[in-house]
Amino acid sequence: MINTINLVWQDLNQASNVPTNVMTWLNDDQSLTAKLKQKFSDFSVNVLFQQQASPHTHEVEIMGSNKQCVIREVELLGDSQVVVFARSVIPLTNDTKEILSIGPKPLGEVLFNTSIKRGPLQITHTDAIWGRRSIFTIGNTKLLVSEFFMENLYA
């Protein structure tokens, strides 16, 4: 859906010229799933891809590891429209077994209902699509979650 290979990321606290209506979505440390469920009466997840694959170079750099990973790409739908595209890089470890078996369940429901720590946010944009990413640490494993907000979400 989005070419995530060559994006340029920057720390959220160094960002400038981000529209206020976009920043509301980017700079939020709560569960995106919960926020979308509040906004839309009909919320669902469409799993596009979930299989073992190599992460992009910039993903390996931020994660600090090149372990075998599962890449999970999903669309988050609000009232039957794609409002968020999400890409997760999940290393294959004992810490991630539960996450890898969630199927069409939102990843946010797992991440925000356990003792997982979230790292600082980075942001990017391409045309009118803004994105954020952060590292989540579960046990001794770091996984990367990138979320891209479609313009129809905040326009």
N, C-alpha and C. Protein backbone atom coordinates (compact mmCIF):
# COMPACT_ATOMS: atom_id res chain seq x y z
N MET A 1 0.82 -1.19 0.00
CA MET A 1 0.00 0.00 0.00
C MET A 1 0.86 1.26 0.00
N ILE A 2 1.87 1.29 0.87
CA ILE A 2 2.80 2.42 0.94
C ILE A 2 4.20 1.86 0.77
N ASN A 3 5.01 2.52 -0.05
CA ASN A 3 6.39 2.10 -0.20
C ASN A 3 7.15 2.54 1.05
N THR A 4 7.48 1.61 1.90
CA THR A 4 8.11 1.93 3.18
C THR A 4 9.63 1.80 3.15
N ILE A 5 10.18 1.51 1.99
CA ILE A 5 11.62 1.23 1.91
C ILE A 5 12.48 2.47 2.10
N ASN A 6 12.19 3.55 1.39
CA ASN A 6 13.09 4.70 1.36
C ASN A 6 12.60 5.91 2.14
N LEU A 7 11.82 5.71 3.15
CA LEU A 7 11.33 6.83 3.94
C LEU A 7 12.43 7.42 4.81
N VAL A 8 12.34 8.71 5.04
CA VAL A 8 13.28 9.39 5.93
C VAL A 8 12.53 9.69 7.23
N TRP A 9 13.08 9.23 8.33
CA TRP A 9 12.44 9.36 9.63
C TRP A 9 13.18 10.39 10.48
N GLN A 10 12.45 11.09 11.34
CA GLN A 10 13.06 12.02 12.29
C GLN A 10 12.36 11.90 13.63
N ASP A 11 13.09 12.25 14.68
CA ASP A 11 12.48 12.21 16.02
C ASP A 11 11.32 13.20 16.08
N LEU A 12 10.27 12.80 16.73
CA LEU A 12 9.07 13.64 16.83
C LEU A 12 9.39 15.00 17.43
N ASN A 13 10.25 15.04 18.45
CA ASN A 13 10.54 16.31 19.10
C ASN A 13 11.39 17.25 18.24
N GLN A 14 11.88 16.79 17.10
CA GLN A 14 12.64 17.64 16.18
C GLN A 14 11.81 18.03 14.96
N ALA A 15 10.58 17.58 14.90
CA ALA A 15 9.73 17.83 13.74
C ALA A 15 9.21 19.26 13.74
N SER A 16 9.10 19.80 12.54
CA SER A 16 8.49 21.12 12.39
C SER A 16 7.54 21.07 11.19
N ASN A 17 6.67 22.03 11.11
CA ASN A 17 5.71 22.13 10.01
C ASN A 17 4.74 20.96 9.93
N VAL A 18 4.45 20.35 11.06
CA VAL A 18 3.44 19.29 11.08
C VAL A 18 2.11 19.94 11.38
N PRO A 19 1.12 19.77 10.50
CA PRO A 19 -0.20 20.37 10.77
C PRO A 19 -0.77 19.90 12.11
N THR A 20 -1.46 20.79 12.80
CA THR A 20 -2.01 20.49 14.12
C THR A 20 -2.94 19.29 14.10
N ASN A 21 -3.79 19.20 13.06
CA ASN A 21 -4.74 18.07 13.00
C ASN A 21 -4.02 16.73 12.79
N VAL A 22 -2.84 16.76 12.22
CA VAL A 22 -2.03 15.54 12.04
C VAL A 22 -1.29 15.21 13.34
N MET A 23 -0.76 16.25 13.99
CA MET A 23 0.00 16.04 15.22
C MET A 23 -0.84 15.38 16.30
N THR A 24 -2.14 15.63 16.30
CA THR A 24 -3.04 14.98 17.25
C THR A 24 -2.94 13.46 17.14
N TRP A 25 -2.74 12.96 15.94
CA TRP A 25 -2.62 11.52 15.72
C TRP A 25 -1.19 11.03 15.93
N LEU A 26 -0.21 11.81 15.51
CA LEU A 26 1.18 11.38 15.61
C LEU A 26 1.67 11.35 17.05
N ASN A 27 1.36 12.39 17.81
CA ASN A 27 1.89 12.55 19.15
C ASN A 27 0.88 12.08 20.19
N ASP A 28 0.67 10.79 20.23
CA ASP A 28 -0.30 10.20 21.15
C ASP A 28 0.31 8.91 21.68
N ASP A 29 0.47 8.81 22.98
CA ASP A 29 1.10 7.62 23.54
C ASP A 29 0.09 6.55 23.97
N GLN A 30 -1.15 6.75 23.63
CA GLN A 30 -2.18 5.77 23.95
C GLN A 30 -2.34 4.77 22.79
N SER A 31 -3.18 3.80 22.97
CA SER A 31 -3.44 2.79 21.95
C SER A 31 -4.18 3.40 20.76
N LEU A 32 -3.59 3.27 19.58
CA LEU A 32 -4.25 3.74 18.36
C LEU A 32 -5.54 2.95 18.14
N THR A 33 -5.51 1.67 18.43
CA THR A 33 -6.71 0.83 18.28
C THR A 33 -7.86 1.40 19.10
N ALA A 34 -7.60 1.72 20.36
CA ALA A 34 -8.65 2.26 21.22
C ALA A 34 -9.17 3.59 20.68
N LYS A 35 -8.26 4.43 20.19
CA LYS A 35 -8.66 5.74 19.66
C LYS A 35 -9.53 5.58 18.41
N LEU A 36 -9.18 4.63 17.55
CA LEU A 36 -9.97 4.40 16.34
C LEU A 36 -11.33 3.80 16.67
N LYS A 37 -11.38 2.93 17.67
CA LYS A 37 -12.66 2.35 18.08
C LYS A 37 -13.60 3.42 18.65
N GLN A 38 -13.03 4.45 19.27
CA GLN A 38 -13.85 5.56 19.77
C GLN A 38 -14.37 6.41 18.62
N LYS A 39 -13.56 6.59 17.60
CA LYS A 39 -13.91 7.48 16.49
C LYS A 39 -14.90 6.83 15.52
N PHE A 40 -14.77 5.53 15.31
CA PHE A 40 -15.59 4.85 14.30
C PHE A 40 -16.49 3.80 14.94
N SER A 41 -17.74 3.78 14.52
CA SER A 41 -18.66 2.77 15.06
C SER A 41 -18.33 1.38 14.50
N ASP A 42 -17.74 1.34 13.30
CA ASP A 42 -17.37 0.07 12.68
C ASP A 42 -15.86 0.07 12.46
N PHE A 43 -15.13 -0.68 13.29
CA PHE A 43 -13.68 -0.77 13.19
C PHE A 43 -13.28 -2.20 12.89
N SER A 44 -12.33 -2.39 11.98
CA SER A 44 -11.86 -3.74 11.67
C SER A 44 -10.41 -3.70 11.18
N VAL A 45 -9.82 -4.88 11.14
CA VAL A 45 -8.43 -5.04 10.70
C VAL A 45 -8.42 -5.97 9.50
N ASN A 46 -7.73 -5.57 8.45
CA ASN A 46 -7.54 -6.41 7.28
C ASN A 46 -6.05 -6.75 7.19
N VAL A 47 -5.70 -8.03 7.45
CA VAL A 47 -4.31 -8.45 7.38
C VAL A 47 -3.95 -8.64 5.91
N LEU A 48 -2.98 -7.84 5.45
CA LEU A 48 -2.53 -7.92 4.06
C LEU A 48 -1.41 -8.93 3.89
N PHE A 49 -0.54 -9.01 4.90
CA PHE A 49 0.68 -9.80 4.77
C PHE A 49 1.18 -10.12 6.17
N GLN A 50 1.49 -11.38 6.42
CA GLN A 50 2.14 -11.75 7.68
C GLN A 50 2.93 -13.01 7.42
N GLN A 51 4.23 -12.82 7.23
CA GLN A 51 5.10 -13.96 7.03
C GLN A 51 6.55 -13.59 7.29
N GLN A 52 7.37 -14.62 7.39
CA GLN A 52 8.78 -14.39 7.65
C GLN A 52 9.39 -13.69 6.44
N ALA A 53 10.12 -12.61 6.71
CA ALA A 53 10.74 -11.83 5.65
C ALA A 53 11.84 -10.96 6.27
N SER A 54 12.64 -10.36 5.41
CA SER A 54 13.71 -9.49 5.88
C SER A 54 13.20 -8.07 6.06
N PRO A 55 13.53 -7.44 7.19
CA PRO A 55 13.15 -6.04 7.38
C PRO A 55 14.00 -5.14 6.48
N HIS A 56 13.53 -3.92 6.27
CA HIS A 56 14.29 -2.93 5.51
C HIS A 56 15.54 -2.55 6.31
N THR A 57 16.54 -2.03 5.63
CA THR A 57 17.79 -1.63 6.29
C THR A 57 17.53 -0.62 7.41
N HIS A 58 16.68 0.39 7.16
CA HIS A 58 16.43 1.40 8.20
C HIS A 58 15.69 0.80 9.39
N GLU A 59 14.95 -0.28 9.18
CA GLU A 59 14.27 -0.94 10.29
C GLU A 59 15.27 -1.73 11.15
N VAL A 60 16.21 -2.40 10.49
CA VAL A 60 17.25 -3.13 11.21
C VAL A 60 18.09 -2.15 12.03
N GLU A 61 18.40 -0.99 11.45
CA GLU A 61 19.22 0.01 12.14
C GLU A 61 18.56 0.49 13.44
N ILE A 62 17.27 0.80 13.39
CA ILE A 62 16.60 1.30 14.61
C ILE A 62 16.37 0.18 15.63
N MET A 63 16.19 -1.03 15.15
CA MET A 63 15.95 -2.14 16.07
C MET A 63 17.27 -2.64 16.70
N GLY A 64 18.37 -2.39 16.01
CA GLY A 64 19.67 -2.82 16.53
C GLY A 64 19.89 -4.31 16.45
N SER A 65 19.17 -4.98 15.56
CA SER A 65 19.27 -6.43 15.46
C SER A 65 18.84 -6.88 14.08
N ASN A 66 19.41 -7.98 13.65
CA ASN A 66 19.02 -8.56 12.36
C ASN A 66 18.55 -10.00 12.55
N LYS A 67 17.77 -10.22 13.61
CA LYS A 67 17.21 -11.55 13.87
C LYS A 67 16.17 -11.89 12.81
N GLN A 68 15.84 -13.16 12.72
CA GLN A 68 14.76 -13.56 11.83
C GLN A 68 13.47 -12.91 12.31
N CYS A 69 12.70 -12.38 11.37
CA CYS A 69 11.50 -11.61 11.72
C CYS A 69 10.29 -12.05 10.90
N VAL A 70 9.15 -11.75 11.46
CA VAL A 70 7.89 -11.81 10.73
C VAL A 70 7.50 -10.37 10.45
N ILE A 71 7.15 -10.09 9.21
CA ILE A 71 6.64 -8.78 8.82
C ILE A 71 5.13 -8.90 8.76
N ARG A 72 4.46 -7.99 9.43
CA ARG A 72 2.99 -7.97 9.45
C ARG A 72 2.54 -6.62 8.91
N GLU A 73 1.76 -6.64 7.84
CA GLU A 73 1.20 -5.42 7.27
C GLU A 73 -0.31 -5.53 7.29
N VAL A 74 -0.95 -4.49 7.82
CA VAL A 74 -2.40 -4.51 7.95
C VAL A 74 -2.99 -3.16 7.56
N GLU A 75 -4.26 -3.20 7.21
CA GLU A 75 -5.05 -1.98 7.06
C GLU A 75 -5.99 -1.92 8.24
N LEU A 76 -6.09 -0.75 8.85
CA LEU A 76 -7.08 -0.52 9.89
C LEU A 76 -8.22 0.24 9.23
N LEU A 77 -9.42 -0.31 9.33
CA LEU A 77 -10.57 0.28 8.65
C LEU A 77 -11.54 0.90 9.64
N GLY A 78 -11.97 2.09 9.32
CA GLY A 78 -13.01 2.77 10.09
C GLY A 78 -14.18 3.01 9.18
N ASP A 79 -15.34 2.49 9.53
CA ASP A 79 -16.53 2.59 8.69
C ASP A 79 -16.24 2.16 7.25
N SER A 80 -15.54 1.04 7.13
CA SER A 80 -15.22 0.37 5.86
C SER A 80 -14.23 1.12 4.98
N GLN A 81 -13.56 2.15 5.49
CA GLN A 81 -12.52 2.87 4.74
C GLN A 81 -11.18 2.66 5.42
N VAL A 82 -10.13 2.49 4.60
CA VAL A 82 -8.79 2.38 5.16
C VAL A 82 -8.41 3.73 5.75
N VAL A 83 -8.10 3.75 7.04
CA VAL A 83 -7.69 4.99 7.70
C VAL A 83 -6.24 4.93 8.18
N VAL A 84 -5.71 3.72 8.35
CA VAL A 84 -4.32 3.54 8.77
C VAL A 84 -3.76 2.30 8.09
N PHE A 85 -2.52 2.43 7.63
CA PHE A 85 -1.74 1.28 7.17
C PHE A 85 -0.66 1.07 8.21
N ALA A 86 -0.49 -0.15 8.68
CA ALA A 86 0.51 -0.42 9.71
C ALA A 86 1.44 -1.54 9.26
N ARG A 87 2.71 -1.36 9.58
CA ARG A 87 3.74 -2.36 9.28
C ARG A 87 4.49 -2.65 10.57
N SER A 88 4.54 -3.91 10.95
CA SER A 88 5.23 -4.32 12.17
C SER A 88 6.33 -5.30 11.81
N VAL A 89 7.47 -5.13 12.47
CA VAL A 89 8.60 -6.04 12.32
C VAL A 89 8.75 -6.75 13.65
N ILE A 90 8.48 -8.05 13.64
CA ILE A 90 8.39 -8.82 14.88
C ILE A 90 9.43 -9.94 14.85
N PRO A 91 10.50 -9.82 15.63
CA PRO A 91 11.50 -10.88 15.67
C PRO A 91 10.91 -12.19 16.18
N LEU A 92 11.43 -13.30 15.68
CA LEU A 92 10.96 -14.61 16.10
C LEU A 92 11.70 -15.01 17.38
N THR A 93 11.04 -14.81 18.52
CA THR A 93 11.61 -15.18 19.81
C THR A 93 10.49 -15.74 20.69
N ASN A 94 10.87 -16.27 21.84
CA ASN A 94 9.86 -16.76 22.79
C ASN A 94 8.97 -15.63 23.27
N ASP A 95 9.53 -14.40 23.33
CA ASP A 95 8.76 -13.24 23.81
C ASP A 95 7.61 -12.88 22.87
N THR A 96 7.70 -13.24 21.59
CA THR A 96 6.71 -12.79 20.60
C THR A 96 5.74 -13.87 20.14
N LYS A 97 5.79 -15.05 20.75
CA LYS A 97 4.90 -16.14 20.32
C LYS A 97 3.42 -15.74 20.35
N GLU A 98 2.99 -15.08 21.44
CA GLU A 98 1.58 -14.66 21.56
C GLU A 98 1.21 -13.67 20.46
N ILE A 99 2.08 -12.72 20.20
CA ILE A 99 1.81 -11.69 19.19
C ILE A 99 1.66 -12.30 17.81
N LEU A 100 2.48 -13.29 17.51
CA LEU A 100 2.47 -13.88 16.17
C LEU A 100 1.23 -14.74 15.91
N SER A 101 0.44 -15.00 16.94
CA SER A 101 -0.74 -15.84 16.74
C SER A 101 -2.05 -15.07 16.87
N ILE A 102 -2.02 -13.73 16.72
CA ILE A 102 -3.24 -12.95 16.94
C ILE A 102 -4.17 -12.91 15.74
N GLY A 103 -3.71 -13.32 14.57
CA GLY A 103 -4.58 -13.31 13.39
C GLY A 103 -5.07 -11.91 13.07
N PRO A 104 -6.40 -11.74 12.85
CA PRO A 104 -6.93 -10.43 12.49
C PRO A 104 -7.17 -9.49 13.68
N LYS A 105 -6.78 -9.92 14.86
CA LYS A 105 -6.94 -9.07 16.05
C LYS A 105 -5.94 -7.90 15.94
N PRO A 106 -6.32 -6.71 16.39
CA PRO A 106 -5.40 -5.57 16.34
C PRO A 106 -4.19 -5.79 17.25
N LEU A 107 -3.00 -5.51 16.73
CA LEU A 107 -1.77 -5.63 17.50
C LEU A 107 -1.80 -4.72 18.74
N GLY A 108 -2.43 -3.56 18.60
CA GLY A 108 -2.53 -2.62 19.71
C GLY A 108 -3.21 -3.19 20.94
N GLU A 109 -4.14 -4.12 20.74
CA GLU A 109 -4.82 -4.74 21.88
C GLU A 109 -3.86 -5.57 22.71
N VAL A 110 -2.85 -6.15 22.06
CA VAL A 110 -1.85 -6.94 22.77
C VAL A 110 -0.81 -6.02 23.40
N LEU A 111 -0.33 -5.05 22.62
CA LEU A 111 0.75 -4.19 23.08
C LEU A 111 0.37 -3.32 24.26
N PHE A 112 -0.86 -2.87 24.31
CA PHE A 112 -1.26 -1.96 25.38
C PHE A 112 -1.95 -2.66 26.54
N ASN A 113 -2.04 -3.98 26.48
CA ASN A 113 -2.66 -4.72 27.58
C ASN A 113 -1.67 -5.63 28.30
N THR A 114 -0.38 -5.41 28.05
CA THR A 114 0.65 -6.20 28.71
C THR A 114 1.74 -5.25 29.21
N SER A 115 2.75 -5.81 29.82
CA SER A 115 3.83 -4.97 30.37
C SER A 115 4.90 -4.72 29.31
N ILE A 116 4.50 -4.13 28.24
CA ILE A 116 5.42 -3.81 27.14
C ILE A 116 5.78 -2.34 27.22
N LYS A 117 7.06 -2.04 27.03
CA LYS A 117 7.53 -0.65 27.08
C LYS A 117 7.62 -0.09 25.67
N ARG A 118 7.21 1.19 25.52
CA ARG A 118 7.26 1.85 24.22
C ARG A 118 8.38 2.88 24.22
N GLY A 119 9.15 2.89 23.15
CA GLY A 119 10.24 3.85 22.99
C GLY A 119 9.75 5.14 22.36
N PRO A 120 10.67 6.09 22.12
CA PRO A 120 10.32 7.38 21.53
C PRO A 120 9.74 7.24 20.12
N LEU A 121 8.92 8.21 19.75
CA LEU A 121 8.31 8.22 18.43
C LEU A 121 9.20 8.92 17.41
N GLN A 122 9.20 8.37 16.20
CA GLN A 122 9.79 9.03 15.04
C GLN A 122 8.66 9.24 14.04
N ILE A 123 8.80 10.27 13.19
CA ILE A 123 7.76 10.52 12.20
C ILE A 123 8.36 10.67 10.81
N THR A 124 7.48 10.54 9.81
CA THR A 124 7.85 10.72 8.42
C THR A 124 6.60 11.17 7.67
N HIS A 125 6.78 11.60 6.44
CA HIS A 125 5.61 11.84 5.59
C HIS A 125 5.99 11.72 4.13
N THR A 126 5.01 11.33 3.36
CA THR A 126 5.13 11.23 1.92
C THR A 126 3.82 11.75 1.35
N ASP A 127 3.89 12.84 0.63
CA ASP A 127 2.70 13.55 0.15
C ASP A 127 1.81 13.89 1.36
N ALA A 128 0.55 13.49 1.34
CA ALA A 128 -0.36 13.84 2.44
C ALA A 128 -0.43 12.75 3.51
N ILE A 129 0.36 11.70 3.35
CA ILE A 129 0.33 10.61 4.32
C ILE A 129 1.46 10.81 5.33
N TRP A 130 1.08 10.89 6.59
CA TRP A 130 2.04 11.03 7.68
C TRP A 130 2.14 9.70 8.40
N GLY A 131 3.33 9.42 8.91
CA GLY A 131 3.54 8.17 9.62
C GLY A 131 4.34 8.37 10.89
N ARG A 132 4.23 7.40 11.76
CA ARG A 132 5.03 7.38 12.98
C ARG A 132 5.49 5.95 13.22
N ARG A 133 6.57 5.83 13.96
CA ARG A 133 7.03 4.50 14.33
C ARG A 133 7.69 4.56 15.70
N SER A 134 7.68 3.43 16.36
CA SER A 134 8.36 3.32 17.65
C SER A 134 8.68 1.86 17.92
N ILE A 135 9.66 1.71 18.79
CA ILE A 135 10.08 0.38 19.24
C ILE A 135 9.26 0.02 20.48
N PHE A 136 8.77 -1.19 20.50
CA PHE A 136 8.12 -1.74 21.69
C PHE A 136 9.03 -2.86 22.20
N THR A 137 9.25 -2.90 23.51
CA THR A 137 10.09 -3.94 24.09
C THR A 137 9.22 -4.87 24.91
N ILE A 138 9.27 -6.14 24.55
CA ILE A 138 8.54 -7.17 25.28
C ILE A 138 9.59 -8.19 25.75
N GLY A 139 9.74 -8.32 27.04
CA GLY A 139 10.81 -9.17 27.57
C GLY A 139 12.15 -8.62 27.13
N ASN A 140 12.91 -9.43 26.40
CA ASN A 140 14.20 -9.01 25.87
C ASN A 140 14.15 -8.73 24.38
N THR A 141 12.97 -8.64 23.82
CA THR A 141 12.81 -8.50 22.37
C THR A 141 12.27 -7.13 22.00
N LYS A 142 12.88 -6.53 20.99
CA LYS A 142 12.41 -5.25 20.46
C LYS A 142 11.66 -5.52 19.16
N LEU A 143 10.44 -4.96 19.07
CA LEU A 143 9.71 -5.03 17.81
C LEU A 143 9.38 -3.62 17.37
N LEU A 144 9.24 -3.44 16.08
CA LEU A 144 9.03 -2.11 15.51
C LEU A 144 7.64 -2.03 14.91
N VAL A 145 6.91 -0.98 15.28
CA VAL A 145 5.58 -0.75 14.73
C VAL A 145 5.57 0.61 14.04
N SER A 146 5.21 0.59 12.75
CA SER A 146 5.08 1.82 11.97
C SER A 146 3.63 1.95 11.56
N GLU A 147 3.08 3.16 11.73
CA GLU A 147 1.66 3.42 11.41
C GLU A 147 1.60 4.62 10.48
N PHE A 148 0.83 4.48 9.42
CA PHE A 148 0.69 5.55 8.42
C PHE A 148 -0.77 5.97 8.35
N PHE A 149 -0.99 7.26 8.57
CA PHE A 149 -2.34 7.78 8.70
C PHE A 149 -2.81 8.33 7.35
N MET A 150 -3.88 7.75 6.85
CA MET A 150 -4.45 8.20 5.57
C MET A 150 -5.09 9.57 5.76
N GLU A 151 -5.06 10.35 4.71
CA GLU A 151 -5.56 11.72 4.78
C GLU A 151 -7.02 11.79 5.21
N ASN A 152 -7.83 10.80 4.84
CA ASN A 152 -9.25 10.83 5.21
C ASN A 152 -9.47 10.70 6.72
N LEU A 153 -8.43 10.33 7.48
CA LEU A 153 -8.55 10.22 8.92
C LEU A 153 -8.55 11.58 9.59
N TYR A 154 -7.75 12.50 9.08
CA TYR A 154 -7.59 13.80 9.75
C TYR A 154 -7.96 14.99 8.89
N ALA A 155 -8.43 14.73 7.66
CA ALA A 155 -8.78 15.86 6.77
C ALA A 155 -10.07 16.53 7.20
